[in-house]
N, C-alpha and C. Protein backbone atom coordinates (compact mmCIF):
# COMPACT_ATOMS: atom_id res chain seq x y z
N MET A 1 -115.98 82.83 6.67
CA MET A 1 -116.37 82.24 5.43
C MET A 1 -116.07 80.85 5.16
N SER A 2 -116.86 79.99 4.43
CA SER A 2 -116.58 78.64 4.46
C SER A 2 -115.34 78.22 3.37
N GLU A 3 -114.70 77.17 3.41
CA GLU A 3 -113.83 76.75 2.56
C GLU A 3 -114.07 76.99 0.99
N GLN A 4 -115.35 76.35 0.78
CA GLN A 4 -115.91 76.54 -0.48
C GLN A 4 -116.21 77.98 -1.07
N GLY A 5 -116.65 78.72 0.03
CA GLY A 5 -116.75 80.33 -0.34
C GLY A 5 -115.41 80.83 -0.69
N ASP A 6 -114.38 80.51 0.07
CA ASP A 6 -113.02 81.21 -0.58
C ASP A 6 -112.66 80.80 -1.60
N THR A 7 -112.94 79.37 -2.12
CA THR A 7 -112.24 78.94 -3.35
C THR A 7 -113.01 79.69 -4.37
N VAL A 8 -114.42 79.89 -4.25
CA VAL A 8 -115.24 80.71 -5.18
C VAL A 8 -114.65 82.05 -5.48
N ARG A 9 -114.41 82.59 -4.43
CA ARG A 9 -113.85 84.12 -4.32
C ARG A 9 -112.70 84.04 -5.14
N GLU A 10 -111.76 83.08 -4.86
CA GLU A 10 -110.47 82.98 -5.32
C GLU A 10 -110.51 82.97 -6.85
N PHE A 11 -111.37 82.09 -7.30
CA PHE A 11 -111.65 81.92 -8.62
C PHE A 11 -112.13 83.04 -9.44
N ASP A 12 -113.04 83.86 -8.61
CA ASP A 12 -113.61 85.12 -9.19
C ASP A 12 -112.36 86.02 -9.38
N LEU A 13 -111.62 86.21 -8.55
CA LEU A 13 -110.67 87.14 -8.53
C LEU A 13 -109.81 86.79 -9.57
N ARG A 14 -109.23 85.59 -9.77
CA ARG A 14 -108.29 85.17 -10.89
C ARG A 14 -108.94 85.43 -12.27
N TRP A 15 -110.33 85.13 -12.25
CA TRP A 15 -111.10 85.30 -13.50
C TRP A 15 -110.92 86.67 -13.97
N ALA A 16 -111.26 87.67 -12.96
CA ALA A 16 -111.35 89.04 -12.99
C ALA A 16 -110.03 89.70 -13.63
N ASP A 17 -108.95 89.30 -12.79
CA ASP A 17 -107.58 89.65 -13.06
C ASP A 17 -107.00 89.12 -14.34
N GLY A 18 -107.55 88.10 -15.02
CA GLY A 18 -107.14 87.65 -16.12
C GLY A 18 -107.87 88.12 -17.36
N ALA A 19 -108.86 89.03 -17.12
CA ALA A 19 -109.65 89.63 -18.38
C ALA A 19 -108.69 90.41 -19.19
N GLU A 20 -108.96 90.27 -20.56
CA GLU A 20 -108.21 90.90 -21.61
C GLU A 20 -108.50 92.34 -21.52
N HIS A 21 -109.64 92.88 -21.32
CA HIS A 21 -109.96 94.32 -21.19
C HIS A 21 -110.55 94.63 -20.08
N LYS A 22 -110.06 95.54 -19.42
CA LYS A 22 -110.53 96.18 -18.23
C LYS A 22 -110.89 97.53 -18.50
N GLU A 23 -112.19 97.78 -17.75
CA GLU A 23 -113.07 98.90 -17.98
C GLU A 23 -112.16 99.99 -17.08
N PRO A 24 -111.88 101.09 -17.70
CA PRO A 24 -111.09 102.33 -16.89
C PRO A 24 -112.14 102.88 -16.01
N SER A 25 -111.46 103.33 -14.75
CA SER A 25 -112.37 103.89 -13.71
C SER A 25 -113.13 105.16 -14.24
N ALA A 26 -114.07 105.50 -13.34
CA ALA A 26 -114.79 106.84 -13.59
C ALA A 26 -113.70 107.98 -13.68
N ARG A 27 -113.07 108.12 -12.79
CA ARG A 27 -111.88 109.05 -12.83
C ARG A 27 -111.08 109.03 -14.10
N ALA A 28 -110.64 107.96 -14.42
CA ALA A 28 -109.84 107.88 -15.67
C ALA A 28 -110.66 108.21 -16.93
N ARG A 29 -111.86 107.96 -16.92
CA ARG A 29 -112.95 108.28 -18.14
C ARG A 29 -112.94 109.92 -18.06
N MET A 30 -113.19 110.50 -16.89
CA MET A 30 -113.31 111.86 -16.69
C MET A 30 -112.06 112.76 -17.08
N LEU A 31 -110.97 112.20 -16.68
CA LEU A 31 -109.79 112.89 -17.08
C LEU A 31 -109.31 112.82 -18.59
N ALA A 32 -109.59 111.73 -19.26
CA ALA A 32 -109.51 111.34 -20.62
C ALA A 32 -110.21 112.26 -21.43
N ALA A 33 -111.66 112.46 -20.92
CA ALA A 33 -112.62 113.32 -21.67
C ALA A 33 -111.99 114.84 -21.66
N ARG A 34 -111.66 115.11 -20.55
CA ARG A 34 -111.15 116.62 -20.16
C ARG A 34 -109.92 116.87 -20.92
N TRP A 35 -109.01 115.77 -20.99
CA TRP A 35 -107.56 116.10 -21.61
C TRP A 35 -107.78 116.13 -23.07
N LYS A 36 -108.91 115.59 -23.67
CA LYS A 36 -109.21 115.55 -25.16
C LYS A 36 -109.30 116.90 -25.60
N GLU A 37 -110.01 117.53 -24.84
CA GLU A 37 -110.55 119.02 -25.32
C GLU A 37 -109.33 120.16 -24.82
N ASN A 38 -108.67 119.77 -23.64
CA ASN A 38 -107.72 120.63 -23.15
C ASN A 38 -106.67 119.95 -22.46
N PRO A 39 -105.59 119.46 -23.14
CA PRO A 39 -104.35 118.69 -22.83
C PRO A 39 -103.77 119.37 -21.76
N PRO A 40 -103.32 118.71 -20.64
CA PRO A 40 -102.31 119.36 -19.69
C PRO A 40 -101.00 119.60 -20.42
N ARG A 41 -100.35 120.59 -19.76
CA ARG A 41 -98.95 120.94 -20.05
C ARG A 41 -98.05 120.18 -19.56
N PRO A 42 -96.97 119.70 -20.15
CA PRO A 42 -95.95 118.84 -19.51
C PRO A 42 -95.33 119.34 -18.36
N GLN A 43 -95.27 118.66 -17.59
CA GLN A 43 -94.50 118.88 -16.37
C GLN A 43 -93.13 118.03 -15.79
N PRO A 44 -92.25 118.47 -15.38
CA PRO A 44 -91.11 117.72 -15.17
C PRO A 44 -91.34 116.79 -13.84
N PHE A 45 -90.75 115.57 -13.76
CA PHE A 45 -91.07 114.77 -12.73
C PHE A 45 -90.69 115.40 -11.47
N ARG A 46 -91.65 115.43 -10.42
CA ARG A 46 -91.33 116.03 -8.99
C ARG A 46 -90.92 117.64 -9.40
N ALA A 47 -91.91 118.03 -9.80
CA ALA A 47 -91.87 119.66 -10.12
C ALA A 47 -91.94 120.37 -8.85
N ASP A 48 -91.05 121.68 -8.83
CA ASP A 48 -91.11 122.27 -7.59
C ASP A 48 -92.46 122.81 -7.62
N PRO A 49 -93.06 123.00 -6.30
CA PRO A 49 -94.25 123.64 -6.23
C PRO A 49 -94.12 125.12 -6.50
N ALA A 50 -95.20 125.74 -6.78
CA ALA A 50 -95.17 127.43 -7.05
C ALA A 50 -94.86 128.02 -5.66
N PRO A 51 -94.33 129.04 -5.57
CA PRO A 51 -93.96 129.64 -4.28
C PRO A 51 -95.10 130.27 -3.58
N SER A 52 -95.52 130.10 -2.46
CA SER A 52 -96.88 130.42 -1.91
C SER A 52 -96.66 132.00 -1.56
N GLY A 53 -95.54 132.57 -1.41
CA GLY A 53 -95.57 133.93 -0.92
C GLY A 53 -94.18 134.09 -0.12
N PRO A 54 -94.07 135.26 0.29
CA PRO A 54 -92.90 135.78 1.10
C PRO A 54 -92.92 134.85 2.30
N ARG A 55 -91.64 134.12 2.83
CA ARG A 55 -91.58 133.51 3.99
C ARG A 55 -90.99 134.39 5.25
N ARG A 56 -91.45 134.17 6.33
CA ARG A 56 -90.97 135.09 7.50
C ARG A 56 -89.81 134.02 7.82
N SER A 57 -88.79 134.82 8.36
CA SER A 57 -87.62 134.22 8.96
C SER A 57 -88.06 133.69 10.59
N SER A 58 -86.94 132.84 10.86
CA SER A 58 -87.40 131.99 12.11
C SER A 58 -87.61 132.92 13.24
N TRP A 59 -86.66 134.04 13.25
CA TRP A 59 -86.53 134.79 14.76
C TRP A 59 -87.90 135.64 14.75
N ILE A 60 -88.46 135.97 13.33
CA ILE A 60 -89.72 136.78 13.52
C ILE A 60 -90.75 135.87 14.06
N SER A 61 -90.89 134.58 13.61
CA SER A 61 -91.77 133.76 14.09
C SER A 61 -91.62 133.42 15.59
N THR A 62 -90.34 133.47 16.16
CA THR A 62 -90.23 133.24 17.55
C THR A 62 -90.73 134.73 18.22
N VAL A 63 -90.44 135.81 17.78
CA VAL A 63 -90.93 136.95 18.41
C VAL A 63 -92.36 136.95 18.59
N VAL A 64 -92.98 136.63 17.47
CA VAL A 64 -94.59 136.64 17.47
C VAL A 64 -95.03 135.69 18.54
N VAL A 65 -94.48 134.62 18.52
CA VAL A 65 -94.88 133.44 19.50
C VAL A 65 -94.72 134.09 21.03
N LEU A 66 -93.58 134.61 21.30
CA LEU A 66 -93.35 135.01 22.66
C LEU A 66 -93.99 136.34 22.80
N GLY A 67 -94.19 137.20 21.90
CA GLY A 67 -94.99 138.32 22.22
C GLY A 67 -96.50 137.99 22.37
N SER A 68 -96.88 136.91 21.92
CA SER A 68 -98.42 136.60 22.11
C SER A 68 -98.58 135.87 23.49
N VAL A 69 -97.58 135.08 23.98
CA VAL A 69 -97.56 134.23 25.05
C VAL A 69 -97.31 135.00 26.32
N ALA A 70 -96.33 135.95 26.32
CA ALA A 70 -95.77 136.79 27.38
C ALA A 70 -97.02 137.70 28.15
N PRO A 71 -97.79 138.37 27.27
CA PRO A 71 -98.94 138.96 28.13
C PRO A 71 -99.93 137.97 28.71
N ILE A 72 -100.16 136.96 28.09
CA ILE A 72 -101.16 136.03 28.85
C ILE A 72 -100.54 135.47 30.14
N ILE A 73 -99.12 135.25 30.20
CA ILE A 73 -98.30 134.61 31.35
C ILE A 73 -98.58 135.80 32.47
N LEU A 74 -98.11 137.10 31.94
CA LEU A 74 -98.24 138.19 33.03
C LEU A 74 -99.70 138.39 33.44
N LEU A 75 -100.70 138.33 32.78
CA LEU A 75 -102.00 138.51 33.02
C LEU A 75 -102.44 137.57 34.23
N LEU A 76 -102.06 136.32 33.85
CA LEU A 76 -102.43 135.18 34.81
C LEU A 76 -101.66 135.25 36.07
N GLY A 77 -100.30 135.80 35.97
CA GLY A 77 -99.56 135.77 37.29
C GLY A 77 -100.13 137.19 38.02
N TYR A 78 -100.65 138.14 37.58
CA TYR A 78 -101.23 139.34 38.01
C TYR A 78 -102.49 138.86 38.74
N ALA A 79 -103.40 137.83 38.02
CA ALA A 79 -104.51 137.50 38.61
C ALA A 79 -104.21 136.57 39.93
N ASN A 80 -103.53 135.88 39.76
CA ASN A 80 -103.00 135.08 40.99
C ASN A 80 -102.52 135.76 42.17
N PHE A 81 -101.71 136.81 41.66
CA PHE A 81 -101.37 137.75 42.85
C PHE A 81 -102.21 138.37 43.53
N ARG A 82 -103.34 138.98 43.06
CA ARG A 82 -104.27 139.66 43.28
C ARG A 82 -105.36 138.97 43.96
N ALA A 83 -105.53 137.41 43.68
CA ALA A 83 -106.55 136.66 44.19
C ALA A 83 -106.89 136.72 45.61
N PRO A 84 -105.82 136.59 46.62
CA PRO A 84 -106.04 136.27 48.08
C PRO A 84 -106.66 137.50 48.54
N TYR A 85 -106.30 138.62 48.01
CA TYR A 85 -106.88 140.00 48.74
C TYR A 85 -108.29 140.21 48.22
N TRP A 86 -108.72 139.34 47.16
CA TRP A 86 -110.08 139.79 46.86
C TRP A 86 -111.18 139.24 47.76
N SER A 87 -111.05 138.03 48.53
CA SER A 87 -111.96 137.47 49.31
C SER A 87 -112.09 138.18 50.50
N HIS A 88 -113.44 138.41 51.07
CA HIS A 88 -113.59 139.13 52.29
C HIS A 88 -114.07 138.25 53.38
């Protein structure tokens, strides 16, 4: 962009930033309309999220992972053990 183009752009941004009244965004207008009829309940700053359900302990997760991986390893080992005898 040319030097004159940068100057015009800078002027436009300063003019827009210095406006006395700024139009709210579409989302701000939507929320204002929604909250006028049904205002949100107050929430504390950084409220704790609602519990999502019971948590599994770490050892149960470990057993599930190993229980899933072990049969696959055994199956692959068995297939590799049997492979040389299959060719005629």
